[in-house]
PDB file of N, CA and C in Angstrom:
ATOM      1  N   MET A   1      -3.768  -0.813  28.474  1.00  0.00           N
ATOM      2  CA  MET A   1      -4.257  -1.834  27.583  1.00  0.00           C
ATOM      3  C   MET A   1      -3.753  -3.191  28.091  1.00  0.00           C
ATOM      4  N   THR A   2      -4.672  -4.119  28.264  1.00  0.00           N
ATOM      5  CA  THR A   2      -4.300  -5.435  28.764  1.00  0.00           C
ATOM      6  C   THR A   2      -3.708  -6.285  27.646  1.00  0.00           C
ATOM      7  N   LYS A   3      -3.008  -7.344  28.072  1.00  0.00           N
ATOM      8  CA  LYS A   3      -2.395  -8.241  27.098  1.00  0.00           C
ATOM      9  C   LYS A   3      -3.474  -8.909  26.238  1.00  0.00           C
ATOM     10  N   LYS A   4      -4.590  -9.291  26.874  1.00  0.00           N
ATOM     11  CA  LYS A   4      -5.684  -9.939  26.139  1.00  0.00           C
ATOM     12  C   LYS A   4      -6.252  -8.987  25.084  1.00  0.00           C
ATOM     13  N   PHE A   5      -6.412  -7.721  25.456  1.00  0.00           N
ATOM     14  CA  PHE A   5      -6.923  -6.720  24.518  1.00  0.00           C
ATOM     15  C   PHE A   5      -5.946  -6.518  23.365  1.00  0.00           C
ATOM     16  N   SER A   6      -4.653  -6.490  23.674  1.00  0.00           N
ATOM     17  CA  SER A   6      -3.632  -6.312  22.638  1.00  0.00           C
ATOM     18  C   SER A   6      -3.647  -7.463  21.643  1.00  0.00           C
ATOM     19  N   ILE A   7      -3.768  -8.677  22.149  1.00  0.00           N
ATOM     20  CA  ILE A   7      -3.802  -9.851  21.275  1.00  0.00           C
ATOM     21  C   ILE A   7      -5.057  -9.822  20.410  1.00  0.00           C
ATOM     22  N   LEU A   8      -6.198  -9.459  21.001  1.00  0.00           N
ATOM     23  CA  LEU A   8      -7.445  -9.374  20.241  1.00  0.00           C
ATOM     24  C   LEU A   8      -7.342  -8.296  19.161  1.00  0.00           C
ATOM     25  N   SER A   9      -6.772  -7.156  19.501  1.00  0.00           N
ATOM     26  CA  SER A   9      -6.612  -6.076  18.524  1.00  0.00           C
ATOM     27  C   SER A   9      -5.752  -6.530  17.354  1.00  0.00           C
ATOM     28  N   PHE A  10      -4.664  -7.216  17.658  1.00  0.00           N
ATOM     29  CA  PHE A  10      -3.787  -7.720  16.604  1.00  0.00           C
ATOM     30  C   PHE A  10      -4.526  -8.738  15.742  1.00  0.00           C
ATOM     31  N   LYS A  11      -5.282  -9.630  16.381  1.00  0.00           N
ATOM     32  CA  LYS A  11      -6.041 -10.658  15.652  1.00  0.00           C
ATOM     33  C   LYS A  11      -7.047 -10.008  14.708  1.00  0.00           C
ATOM     34  N   LEU A  12      -7.763  -9.005  15.194  1.00  0.00           N
ATOM     35  CA  LEU A  12      -8.753  -8.324  14.353  1.00  0.00           C
ATOM     36  C   LEU A  12      -8.087  -7.577  13.199  1.00  0.00           C
ATOM     37  N   ALA A  13      -6.960  -6.957  13.477  1.00  0.00           N
ATOM     38  CA  ALA A  13      -6.231  -6.254  12.415  1.00  0.00           C
ATOM     39  C   ALA A  13      -5.760  -7.239  11.348  1.00  0.00           C
ATOM     40  N   LEU A  14      -5.271  -8.387  11.776  1.00  0.00           N
ATOM     41  CA  LEU A  14      -4.823  -9.410  10.836  1.00  0.00           C
ATOM     42  C   LEU A  14      -5.999  -9.942  10.014  1.00  0.00           C
ATOM     43  N   GLU A  15      -7.143 -10.139  10.655  1.00  0.00           N
ATOM     44  CA  GLU A  15      -8.345 -10.571   9.934  1.00  0.00           C
ATOM     45  C   GLU A  15      -8.750  -9.533   8.886  1.00  0.00           C
ATOM     46  N   GLY A  16      -8.658  -8.263   9.241  1.00  0.00           N
ATOM     47  CA  GLY A  16      -8.970  -7.198   8.295  1.00  0.00           C
ATOM     48  C   GLY A  16      -8.020  -7.196   7.114  1.00  0.00           C
ATOM     49  N   PHE A  17      -6.740  -7.389   7.389  1.00  0.00           N
ATOM     50  CA  PHE A  17      -5.748  -7.429   6.313  1.00  0.00           C
ATOM     51  C   PHE A  17      -6.022  -8.599   5.375  1.00  0.00           C
ATOM     52  N   ILE A  18      -6.305  -9.768   5.946  1.00  0.00           N
ATOM     53  CA  ILE A  18      -6.580 -10.959   5.131  1.00  0.00           C
ATOM     54  C   ILE A  18      -7.853 -10.770   4.317  1.00  0.00           C
ATOM     55  N   ALA A  19      -8.876 -10.171   4.920  1.00  0.00           N
ATOM     56  CA  ALA A  19     -10.123  -9.906   4.187  1.00  0.00           C
ATOM     57  C   ALA A  19      -9.860  -8.976   3.009  1.00  0.00           C
ATOM     58  N   ALA A  20      -9.078  -7.936   3.236  1.00  0.00           N
ATOM     59  CA  ALA A  20      -8.749  -7.004   2.148  1.00  0.00           C
ATOM     60  C   ALA A  20      -7.950  -7.717   1.063  1.00  0.00           C
ATOM     61  N   LEU A  21      -7.053  -8.581   1.472  1.00  0.00           N
ATOM     62  CA  LEU A  21      -6.236  -9.326   0.513  1.00  0.00           C
ATOM     63  C   LEU A  21      -7.104 -10.223  -0.369  1.00  0.00           C
ATOM     64  N   LYS A  22      -8.134 -10.810   0.216  1.00  0.00           N
ATOM     65  CA  LYS A  22      -9.039 -11.682  -0.543  1.00  0.00           C
ATOM     66  C   LYS A  22      -9.937 -10.889  -1.491  1.00  0.00           C
ATOM     67  N   GLU A  23     -10.302  -9.678  -1.101  1.00  0.00           N
ATOM     68  CA  GLU A  23     -11.299  -8.901  -1.835  1.00  0.00           C
ATOM     69  C   GLU A  23     -10.721  -7.878  -2.811  1.00  0.00           C
ATOM     70  N   GLU A  24      -9.510  -7.440  -2.578  1.00  0.00           N
ATOM     71  CA  GLU A  24      -8.990  -6.291  -3.330  1.00  0.00           C
ATOM     72  C   GLU A  24      -7.799  -6.682  -4.205  1.00  0.00           C
ATOM     73  N   PRO A  25      -8.007  -6.803  -5.522  1.00  0.00           N
ATOM     74  CA  PRO A  25      -6.903  -7.167  -6.418  1.00  0.00           C
ATOM     75  C   PRO A  25      -5.758  -6.154  -6.402  1.00  0.00           C
ATOM     76  N   ASN A  26      -6.076  -4.879  -6.205  1.00  0.00           N
ATOM     77  CA  ASN A  26      -5.018  -3.860  -6.190  1.00  0.00           C
ATOM     78  C   ASN A  26      -4.069  -4.052  -5.015  1.00  0.00           C
ATOM     79  N   LEU A  27      -4.579  -4.557  -3.891  1.00  0.00           N
ATOM     80  CA  LEU A  27      -3.711  -4.829  -2.750  1.00  0.00           C
ATOM     81  C   LEU A  27      -2.720  -5.934  -3.114  1.00  0.00           C
ATOM     82  N   LYS A  28      -3.198  -6.951  -3.801  1.00  0.00           N
ATOM     83  CA  LYS A  28      -2.302  -8.027  -4.249  1.00  0.00           C
ATOM     84  C   LYS A  28      -1.225  -7.464  -5.176  1.00  0.00           C
ATOM     85  N   PHE A  29      -1.626  -6.577  -6.067  1.00  0.00           N
ATOM     86  CA  PHE A  29      -0.662  -5.958  -6.981  1.00  0.00           C
ATOM     87  C   PHE A  29       0.405  -5.190  -6.201  1.00  0.00           C
ATOM     88  N   HIS A  30      -0.017  -4.385  -5.221  1.00  0.00           N
ATOM     89  CA  HIS A  30       0.939  -3.582  -4.453  1.00  0.00           C
ATOM     90  C   HIS A  30       1.855  -4.468  -3.610  1.00  0.00           C
ATOM     91  N   LEU A  31       1.323  -5.564  -3.072  1.00  0.00           N
ATOM     92  CA  LEU A  31       2.169  -6.491  -2.319  1.00  0.00           C
ATOM     93  C   LEU A  31       3.194  -7.160  -3.238  1.00  0.00           C
ATOM     94  N   LEU A  32       2.768  -7.548  -4.427  1.00  0.00           N
ATOM     95  CA  LEU A  32       3.696  -8.140  -5.392  1.00  0.00           C
ATOM     96  C   LEU A  32       4.767  -7.125  -5.797  1.00  0.00           C
ATOM     97  N   ALA A  33       4.351  -5.899  -6.051  1.00  0.00           N
ATOM     98  CA  ALA A  33       5.316  -4.847  -6.390  1.00  0.00           C
ATOM     99  C   ALA A  33       6.304  -4.646  -5.243  1.00  0.00           C
ATOM    100  N   GLY A  34       5.806  -4.651  -4.012  1.00  0.00           N
ATOM    101  CA  GLY A  34       6.679  -4.513  -2.849  1.00  0.00           C
ATOM    102  C   GLY A  34       7.676  -5.654  -2.751  1.00  0.00           C
ATOM    103  N   LEU A  35       7.216  -6.873  -3.026  1.00  0.00           N
ATOM    104  CA  LEU A  35       8.110  -8.032  -3.008  1.00  0.00           C
ATOM    105  C   LEU A  35       9.194  -7.901  -4.081  1.00  0.00           C
ATOM    106  N   ILE A  36       8.816  -7.464  -5.256  1.00  0.00           N
ATOM    107  CA  ILE A  36       9.790  -7.260  -6.337  1.00  0.00           C
ATOM    108  C   ILE A  36      10.821  -6.210  -5.936  1.00  0.00           C
ATOM    109  N   VAL A  37      10.371  -5.147  -5.293  1.00  0.00           N
ATOM    110  CA  VAL A  37      11.288  -4.094  -4.830  1.00  0.00           C
ATOM    111  C   VAL A  37      12.259  -4.654  -3.795  1.00  0.00           C
ATOM    112  N   VAL A  38      11.755  -5.445  -2.859  1.00  0.00           N
ATOM    113  CA  VAL A  38      12.620  -6.041  -1.829  1.00  0.00           C
ATOM    114  C   VAL A  38      13.654  -6.963  -2.476  1.00  0.00           C
ATOM    115  N   LEU A  39      13.221  -7.793  -3.413  1.00  0.00           N
ATOM    116  CA  LEU A  39      14.163  -8.683  -4.104  1.00  0.00           C
ATOM    117  C   LEU A  39      15.214  -7.885  -4.879  1.00  0.00           C
ATOM    118  N   ALA A  40      14.785  -6.821  -5.538  1.00  0.00           N
ATOM    119  CA  ALA A  40      15.730  -5.965  -6.266  1.00  0.00           C
ATOM    120  C   ALA A  40      16.713  -5.297  -5.305  1.00  0.00           C
ATOM    121  N   ALA A  41      16.229  -4.885  -4.147  1.00  0.00           N
ATOM    122  CA  ALA A  41      17.101  -4.239  -3.160  1.00  0.00           C
ATOM    123  C   ALA A  41      18.166  -5.213  -2.660  1.00  0.00           C
ATOM    124  N   PHE A  42      17.780  -6.477  -2.446  1.00  0.00           N
ATOM    125  CA  PHE A  42      18.772  -7.490  -2.068  1.00  0.00           C
ATOM    126  C   PHE A  42      19.769  -7.719  -3.208  1.00  0.00           C
ATOM    127  N   TYR A  43      19.250  -7.846  -4.406  1.00  0.00           N
ATOM    128  CA  TYR A  43      20.097  -8.117  -5.570  1.00  0.00           C
ATOM    129  C   TYR A  43      21.124  -7.003  -5.787  1.00  0.00           C
ATOM    130  N   PHE A  44      20.674  -5.773  -5.712  1.00  0.00           N
ATOM    131  CA  PHE A  44      21.562  -4.637  -5.968  1.00  0.00           C
ATOM    132  C   PHE A  44      22.331  -4.179  -4.730  1.00  0.00           C
ATOM    133  N   LYS A  45      22.031  -4.792  -3.588  1.00  0.00           N
ATOM    134  CA  LYS A  45      22.714  -4.452  -2.332  1.00  0.00           C
ATOM    135  C   LYS A  45      22.639  -2.946  -2.047  1.00  0.00           C
ATOM    136  N   VAL A  46      21.413  -2.438  -1.994  1.00  0.00           N
ATOM    137  CA  VAL A  46      21.227  -1.008  -1.748  1.00  0.00           C
ATOM    138  C   VAL A  46      21.702  -0.645  -0.344  1.00  0.00           C
ATOM    139  N   SER A  47      21.942   0.619  -0.130  1.00  0.00           N
ATOM    140  CA  SER A  47      22.452   1.104   1.157  1.00  0.00           C
ATOM    141  C   SER A  47      21.381   0.996   2.245  1.00  0.00           C
ATOM    142  N   LYS A  48      21.834   1.130   3.472  1.00  0.00           N
ATOM    143  CA  LYS A  48      20.919   1.099   4.617  1.00  0.00           C
ATOM    144  C   LYS A  48      19.864   2.204   4.493  1.00  0.00           C
ATOM    145  N   ASN A  49      20.286   3.398   4.116  1.00  0.00           N
ATOM    146  CA  ASN A  49      19.330   4.502   3.958  1.00  0.00           C
ATOM    147  C   ASN A  49      18.317   4.215   2.857  1.00  0.00           C
ATOM    148  N   ASP A  50      18.761   3.608   1.759  1.00  0.00           N
ATOM    149  CA  ASP A  50      17.829   3.249   0.693  1.00  0.00           C
ATOM    150  C   ASP A  50      16.830   2.198   1.178  1.00  0.00           C
ATOM    151  N   TRP A  51      17.313   1.225   1.966  1.00  0.00           N
ATOM    152  CA  TRP A  51      16.406   0.230   2.550  1.00  0.00           C
ATOM    153  C   TRP A  51      15.325   0.913   3.383  1.00  0.00           C
ATOM    154  N   ILE A  52      15.744   1.878   4.184  1.00  0.00           N
ATOM    155  CA  ILE A  52      14.782   2.593   5.034  1.00  0.00           C
ATOM    156  C   ILE A  52      13.720   3.267   4.170  1.00  0.00           C
ATOM    157  N   PHE A  53      14.143   3.976   3.151  1.00  0.00           N
ATOM    158  CA  PHE A  53      13.180   4.635   2.250  1.00  0.00           C
ATOM    159  C   PHE A  53      12.258   3.622   1.578  1.00  0.00           C
ATOM    160  N   LEU A  54      12.824   2.528   1.085  1.00  0.00           N
ATOM    161  CA  LEU A  54      12.018   1.531   0.374  1.00  0.00           C
ATOM    162  C   LEU A  54      10.977   0.888   1.290  1.00  0.00           C
ATOM    163  N   ILE A  55      11.379   0.551   2.505  1.00  0.00           N
ATOM    164  CA  ILE A  55      10.436  -0.059   3.452  1.00  0.00           C
ATOM    165  C   ILE A  55       9.325   0.924   3.810  1.00  0.00           C
ATOM    166  N   ILE A  56       9.691   2.181   4.038  1.00  0.00           N
ATOM    167  CA  ILE A  56       8.672   3.202   4.327  1.00  0.00           C
ATOM    168  C   ILE A  56       7.718   3.349   3.145  1.00  0.00           C
ATOM    169  N   LEU A  57       8.251   3.390   1.936  1.00  0.00           N
ATOM    170  CA  LEU A  57       7.408   3.555   0.747  1.00  0.00           C
ATOM    171  C   LEU A  57       6.470   2.374   0.545  1.00  0.00           C
ATOM    172  N   ILE A  58       6.980   1.160   0.726  1.00  0.00           N
ATOM    173  CA  ILE A  58       6.130  -0.025   0.587  1.00  0.00           C
ATOM    174  C   ILE A  58       5.008   0.012   1.620  1.00  0.00           C
ATOM    175  N   GLY A  59       5.356   0.302   2.863  1.00  0.00           N
ATOM    176  CA  GLY A  59       4.341   0.394   3.915  1.00  0.00           C
ATOM    177  C   GLY A  59       3.341   1.503   3.655  1.00  0.00           C
ATOM    178  N   PHE A  60       3.821   2.622   3.130  1.00  0.00           N
ATOM    179  CA  PHE A  60       2.968   3.769   2.809  1.00  0.00           C
ATOM    180  C   PHE A  60       1.929   3.392   1.761  1.00  0.00           C
ATOM    181  N   VAL A  61       2.366   2.782   0.676  1.00  0.00           N
ATOM    182  CA  VAL A  61       1.437   2.423  -0.404  1.00  0.00           C
ATOM    183  C   VAL A  61       0.430   1.378   0.076  1.00  0.00           C
ATOM    184  N   ILE A  62       0.900   0.367   0.786  1.00  0.00           N
ATOM    185  CA  ILE A  62      -0.013  -0.673   1.266  1.00  0.00           C
ATOM    186  C   ILE A  62      -1.002  -0.096   2.275  1.00  0.00           C
ATOM    187  N   SER A  63      -0.543   0.778   3.149  1.00  0.00           N
ATOM    188  CA  SER A  63      -1.447   1.408   4.125  1.00  0.00           C
ATOM    189  C   SER A  63      -2.512   2.252   3.442  1.00  0.00           C
ATOM    190  N   ILE A  64      -2.121   3.017   2.444  1.00  0.00           N
ATOM    191  CA  ILE A  64      -3.096   3.841   1.722  1.00  0.00           C
ATOM    192  C   ILE A  64      -4.082   2.953   0.962  1.00  0.00           C
ATOM    193  N   GLU A  65      -3.597   1.858   0.380  1.00  0.00           N
ATOM    194  CA  GLU A  65      -4.499   0.929  -0.319  1.00  0.00           C
ATOM    195  C   GLU A  65      -5.499   0.307   0.657  1.00  0.00           C
ATOM    196  N   LEU A  66      -5.043  -0.061   1.845  1.00  0.00           N
ATOM    197  CA  LEU A  66      -5.956  -0.603   2.861  1.00  0.00           C
ATOM    198  C   LEU A  66      -6.987   0.443   3.281  1.00  0.00           C
ATOM    199  N   THR A  67      -6.550   1.674   3.439  1.00  0.00           N
ATOM    200  CA  THR A  67      -7.471   2.757   3.786  1.00  0.00           C
ATOM    201  C   THR A  67      -8.496   2.963   2.677  1.00  0.00           C
ATOM    202  N   ASN A  68      -8.053   2.937   1.440  1.00  0.00           N
ATOM    203  CA  ASN A  68      -8.953   3.063   0.296  1.00  0.00           C
ATOM    204  C   ASN A  68      -9.984   1.935   0.298  1.00  0.00           C
ATOM    205  N   THR A  69      -9.533   0.728   0.552  1.00  0.00           N
ATOM    206  CA  THR A  69     -10.434  -0.425   0.590  1.00  0.00           C
ATOM    207  C   THR A  69     -11.475  -0.255   1.691  1.00  0.00           C
ATOM    208  N   ALA A  70     -11.046   0.226   2.853  1.00  0.00           N
ATOM    209  CA  ALA A  70     -11.982   0.443   3.961  1.00  0.00           C
ATOM    210  C   ALA A  70     -12.997   1.531   3.622  1.00  0.00           C
ATOM    211  N   ILE A  71     -12.533   2.615   3.036  1.00  0.00           N
ATOM    212  CA  ILE A  71     -13.445   3.706   2.652  1.00  0.00           C
ATOM    213  C   ILE A  71     -14.463   3.210   1.634  1.00  0.00           C
ATOM    214  N   GLU A  72     -14.008   2.460   0.645  1.00  0.00           N
ATOM    215  CA  GLU A  72     -14.935   1.924  -0.354  1.00  0.00           C
ATOM    216  C   GLU A  72     -15.969   1.001   0.285  1.00  0.00           C
ATOM    217  N   ALA A  73     -15.544   0.176   1.240  1.00  0.00           N
ATOM    218  CA  ALA A  73     -16.473  -0.741   1.907  1.00  0.00           C
ATOM    219  C   ALA A  73     -17.532   0.022   2.693  1.00  0.00           C
ATOM    220  N   VAL A  74     -17.125   1.062   3.402  1.00  0.00           N
ATOM    221  CA  VAL A  74     -18.081   1.863   4.175  1.00  0.00           C
ATOM    222  C   VAL A  74     -19.043   2.594   3.244  1.00  0.00           C
ATOM    223  N   VAL A  75     -18.515   3.190   2.198  1.00  0.00           N
ATOM    224  CA  VAL A  75     -19.371   3.901   1.240  1.00  0.00           C
ATOM    225  C   VAL A  75     -20.383   2.938   0.624  1.00  0.00           C
ATOM    226  N   ASP A  76     -19.922   1.758   0.216  1.00  0.00           N
ATOM    227  CA  ASP A  76     -20.821   0.778  -0.391  1.00  0.00           C
ATOM    228  C   ASP A  76     -21.878   0.286   0.600  1.00  0.00           C
ATOM    229  N   ALA A  77     -21.507   0.182   1.869  1.00  0.00           N
ATOM    230  CA  ALA A  77     -22.442  -0.329   2.871  1.00  0.00           C
ATOM    231  C   ALA A  77     -23.526   0.676   3.244  1.00  0.00           C
ATOM    232  N   PHE A  78     -23.218   1.962   3.171  1.00  0.00           N
ATOM    233  CA  PHE A  78     -24.137   2.960   3.707  1.00  0.00           C
ATOM    234  C   PHE A  78     -24.704   3.947   2.695  1.00  0.00           C
ATOM    235  N   THR A  79     -24.322   3.839   1.434  1.00  0.00           N
ATOM    236  CA  THR A  79     -24.846   4.787   0.454  1.00  0.00           C
ATOM    237  C   THR A  79     -25.223   4.082  -0.833  1.00  0.00           C
ATOM    238  N   ASP A  80     -26.024   4.778  -1.593  1.00  0.00           N
ATOM    239  CA  ASP A  80     -26.370   4.325  -2.933  1.00  0.00           C
ATOM    240  C   ASP A  80     -25.163   4.567  -3.834  1.00  0.00           C
ATOM    241  N   LYS A  81     -24.784   3.574  -4.610  1.00  0.00           N
ATOM    242  CA  LYS A  81     -23.599   3.705  -5.468  1.00  0.00           C
ATOM    243  C   LYS A  81     -23.727   4.832  -6.481  1.00  0.00           C
ATOM    244  N   GLU A  82     -24.945   5.248  -6.766  1.00  0.00           N
ATOM    245  CA  GLU A  82     -25.160   6.326  -7.731  1.00  0.00           C
ATOM    246  C   GLU A  82     -25.062   7.710  -7.090  1.00  0.00           C
ATOM    247  N   HIS A  83     -24.979   7.756  -5.780  1.00  0.00           N
ATOM    248  CA  HIS A  83     -24.935   9.043  -5.078  1.00  0.00           C
ATOM    249  C   HIS A  83     -23.633   9.766  -5.426  1.00  0.00           C
ATOM    250  N   PRO A  84     -23.723  11.059  -5.829  1.00  0.00           N
ATOM    251  CA  PRO A  84     -22.512  11.795  -6.221  1.00  0.00           C
ATOM    252  C   PRO A  84     -21.481  11.890  -5.094  1.00  0.00           C
ATOM    253  N   GLY A  85     -21.943  12.019  -3.860  1.00  0.00           N
ATOM    254  CA  GLY A  85     -21.007  12.088  -2.735  1.00  0.00           C
ATOM    255  C   GLY A  85     -20.269  10.780  -2.534  1.00  0.00           C
ATOM    256  N   ALA A  86     -20.970   9.667  -2.764  1.00  0.00           N
ATOM    257  CA  ALA A  86     -20.335   8.352  -2.643  1.00  0.00           C
ATOM    258  C   ALA A  86     -19.255   8.191  -3.710  1.00  0.00           C
ATOM    259  N   LYS A  87     -19.577   8.585  -4.921  1.00  0.00           N
ATOM    260  CA  LYS A  87     -18.600   8.509  -6.013  1.00  0.00           C
ATOM    261  C   LYS A  87     -17.394   9.395  -5.722  1.00  0.00           C
ATOM    262  N   LEU A  88     -17.656  10.601  -5.235  1.00  0.00           N
ATOM    263  CA  LEU A  88     -16.573  11.529  -4.932  1.00  0.00           C
ATOM    264  C   LEU A  88     -15.648  10.953  -3.859  1.00  0.00           C
ATOM    265  N   ALA A  89     -16.235  10.403  -2.790  1.00  0.00           N
ATOM    266  CA  ALA A  89     -15.427   9.825  -1.712  1.00  0.00           C
ATOM    267  C   ALA A  89     -14.550   8.687  -2.232  1.00  0.00           C
ATOM    268  N   LYS A  90     -15.133   7.824  -3.051  1.00  0.00           N
ATOM    269  CA  LYS A  90     -14.372   6.700  -3.592  1.00  0.00           C
ATOM    270  C   LYS A  90     -13.299   7.167  -4.575  1.00  0.00           C
ATOM    271  N   ASP A  91     -13.614   8.160  -5.388  1.00  0.00           N
ATOM    272  CA  ASP A  91     -12.635   8.681  -6.346  1.00  0.00           C
ATOM    273  C   ASP A  91     -11.467   9.362  -5.637  1.00  0.00           C
ATOM    274  N   ILE A  92     -11.768  10.131  -4.608  1.00  0.00           N
ATOM    275  CA  ILE A  92     -10.705  10.807  -3.857  1.00  0.00           C
ATOM    276  C   ILE A  92      -9.821   9.780  -3.158  1.00  0.00           C
ATOM    277  N   SER A  93     -10.440   8.771  -2.584  1.00  0.00           N
ATOM    278  CA  SER A  93      -9.689   7.712  -1.917  1.00  0.00           C
ATOM    279  C   SER A  93      -8.777   6.982  -2.907  1.00  0.00           C
ATOM    280  N   ALA A  94      -9.300   6.691  -4.085  1.00  0.00           N
ATOM    281  CA  ALA A  94      -8.477   6.058  -5.123  1.00  0.00           C
ATOM    282  C   ALA A  94      -7.364   7.002  -5.576  1.00  0.00           C
ATOM    283  N   GLY A  95      -7.658   8.290  -5.617  1.00  0.00           N
ATOM    284  CA  GLY A  95      -6.637   9.278  -5.964  1.00  0.00           C
ATOM    285  C   GLY A  95      -5.489   9.284  -4.973  1.00  0.00           C
ATOM    286  N   ALA A  96      -5.797   9.076  -3.701  1.00  0.00           N
ATOM    287  CA  ALA A  96      -4.748   9.009  -2.680  1.00  0.00           C
ATOM    288  C   ALA A  96      -3.816   7.831  -2.950  1.00  0.00           C
ATOM    289  N   VAL A  97      -4.388   6.708  -3.364  1.00  0.00           N
ATOM    290  CA  VAL A  97      -3.563   5.545  -3.709  1.00  0.00           C
ATOM    291  C   VAL A  97      -2.679   5.869  -4.909  1.00  0.00           C
ATOM    292  N   LEU A  98      -3.249   6.541  -5.888  1.00  0.00           N
ATOM    293  CA  LEU A  98      -2.482   6.920  -7.076  1.00  0.00           C
ATOM    294  C   LEU A  98      -1.291   7.803  -6.702  1.00  0.00           C
ATOM    295  N   VAL A  99      -1.525   8.800  -5.866  1.00  0.00           N
ATOM    296  CA  VAL A  99      -0.442   9.696  -5.436  1.00  0.00           C
ATOM    297  C   VAL A  99       0.637   8.904  -4.698  1.00  0.00           C
ATOM    298  N   ALA A 100       0.223   8.018  -3.796  1.00  0.00           N
ATOM    299  CA  ALA A 100       1.187   7.210  -3.041  1.00  0.00           C
ATOM    300  C   ALA A 100       1.999   6.311  -3.970  1.00  0.00           C
ATOM    301  N   ALA A 101       1.323   5.655  -4.911  1.00  0.00           N
ATOM    302  CA  ALA A 101       2.005   4.728  -5.815  1.00  0.00           C
ATOM    303  C   ALA A 101       2.963   5.457  -6.755  1.00  0.00           C
ATOM    304  N   VAL A 102       2.543   6.598  -7.283  1.00  0.00           N
ATOM    305  CA  VAL A 102       3.420   7.364  -8.178  1.00  0.00           C
ATOM    306  C   VAL A 102       4.627   7.892  -7.403  1.00  0.00           C
ATOM    307  N   THR A 103       4.392   8.383  -6.192  1.00  0.00           N
ATOM    308  CA  THR A 103       5.498   8.856  -5.355  1.00  0.00           C
ATOM    309  C   THR A 103       6.495   7.731  -5.108  1.00  0.00           C
ATOM    310  N   ALA A 104       5.982   6.556  -4.743  1.00  0.00           N
ATOM    311  CA  ALA A 104       6.856   5.407  -4.486  1.00  0.00           C
ATOM    312  C   ALA A 104       7.614   5.003  -5.749  1.00  0.00           C
ATOM    313  N   ALA A 105       6.937   5.017  -6.884  1.00  0.00           N
ATOM    314  CA  ALA A 105       7.588   4.637  -8.142  1.00  0.00           C
ATOM    315  C   ALA A 105       8.708   5.609  -8.503  1.00  0.00           C
ATOM    316  N   VAL A 106       8.446   6.894  -8.369  1.00  0.00           N
ATOM    317  CA  VAL A 106       9.466   7.898  -8.699  1.00  0.00           C
ATOM    318  C   VAL A 106      10.675   7.757  -7.774  1.00  0.00           C
ATOM    319  N   LEU A 107      10.426   7.623  -6.479  1.00  0.00           N
ATOM    320  CA  LEU A 107      11.541   7.468  -5.546  1.00  0.00           C
ATOM    321  C   LEU A 107      12.265   6.144  -5.769  1.00  0.00           C
ATOM    322  N   GLY A 108      11.513   5.098  -6.123  1.00  0.00           N
ATOM    323  CA  GLY A 108      12.140   3.819  -6.450  1.00  0.00           C
ATOM    324  C   GLY A 108      13.054   3.938  -7.655  1.00  0.00           C
ATOM    325  N   ILE A 109      12.616   4.662  -8.659  1.00  0.00           N
ATOM    326  CA  ILE A 109      13.454   4.889  -9.845  1.00  0.00           C
ATOM    327  C   ILE A 109      14.725   5.639  -9.453  1.00  0.00           C
ATOM    328  N   ILE A 110      14.579   6.654  -8.616  1.00  0.00           N
ATOM    329  CA  ILE A 110      15.753   7.418  -8.172  1.00  0.00           C
ATOM    330  C   ILE A 110      16.733   6.512  -7.426  1.00  0.00           C
ATOM    331  N   ILE A 111      16.211   5.601  -6.609  1.00  0.00           N
ATOM    332  CA  ILE A 111      17.077   4.703  -5.834  1.00  0.00           C
ATOM    333  C   ILE A 111      17.744   3.664  -6.729  1.00  0.00           C
ATOM    334  N   PHE A 112      16.988   3.065  -7.654  1.00  0.00           N
ATOM    335  CA  PHE A 112      17.516   1.944  -8.434  1.00  0.00           C
ATOM    336  C   PHE A 112      18.240   2.345  -9.715  1.00  0.00           C
ATOM    337  N   LEU A 113      17.982   3.515 -10.237  1.00  0.00           N
ATOM    338  CA  LEU A 113      18.576   3.923 -11.514  1.00  0.00           C
ATOM    339  C   LEU A 113      20.103   3.813 -11.538  1.00  0.00           C
ATOM    340  N   PRO A 114      20.807   4.226 -10.484  1.00  0.00           N
ATOM    341  CA  PRO A 114      22.274   4.117 -10.524  1.00  0.00           C
ATOM    342  C   PRO A 114      22.791   2.675 -10.630  1.00  0.00           C
ATOM    343  N   PHE A 115      21.949   1.691 -10.309  1.00  0.00           N
ATOM    344  CA  PHE A 115      22.375   0.293 -10.378  1.00  0.00           C
ATOM    345  C   PHE A 115      22.203  -0.312 -11.767  1.00  0.00           C
ATOM    346  N   ILE A 116      21.526   0.388 -12.656  1.00  0.00           N
ATOM    347  CA  ILE A 116      21.301  -0.110 -14.010  1.00  0.00           C
ATOM    348  C   ILE A 116      22.512   0.291 -14.854  1.00  0.00           C
ATOM    349  N   PRO A 117      23.250  -0.686 -15.408  1.00  0.00           N
ATOM    350  CA  PRO A 117      24.525  -0.384 -16.089  1.00  0.00           C
ATOM    351  C   PRO A 117      24.426   0.650 -17.205  1.00  0.00           C
ATOM    352  N   TRP A 118      23.404   0.610 -18.025  1.00  0.00           N
ATOM    353  CA  TRP A 118      23.328   1.528 -19.160  1.00  0.00           C
ATOM    354  C   TRP A 118      22.936   2.940 -18.763  1.00  0.00           C
ATOM    355  N   THR A 119      22.667   3.180 -17.449  1.00  0.00           N
ATOM    356  CA  THR A 119      22.337   4.539 -17.006  1.00  0.00           C
ATOM    357  C   THR A 119      23.473   5.173 -16.216  1.00  0.00           C
ATOM    358  N   ALA A 120      24.455   4.384 -15.865  1.00  0.00           N
ATOM    359  CA  ALA A 120      25.531   4.902 -15.008  1.00  0.00           C
ATOM    360  C   ALA A 120      26.521   5.738 -15.786  1.00  0.00           C
TER     361      ALA A 120
END
């Protein structure tokens, strides 16, 4: 892979991310949630291992949300919105985001709960 190709690939990926950010309110929500988690991690001075888990979880949820957004865009571009297969694809994709977000929330609770005084 040439340097020019690498730069172009990065540019296109960044354009895709920005387009998703402009079009998808749920992506904004997940980014805000990720920012809140990062701020909480700094505030509570979580361990290095907890940082690793939190960063992986934030990236996981955002990646799944981006994938969901891409799947929805393709389905909308090439199928009738009333088509049962189109609905199924979009629902399953949204379900993947739900699983990722719930997983991240549960693990986040496990990480942060010991820092809350009334739970210790």
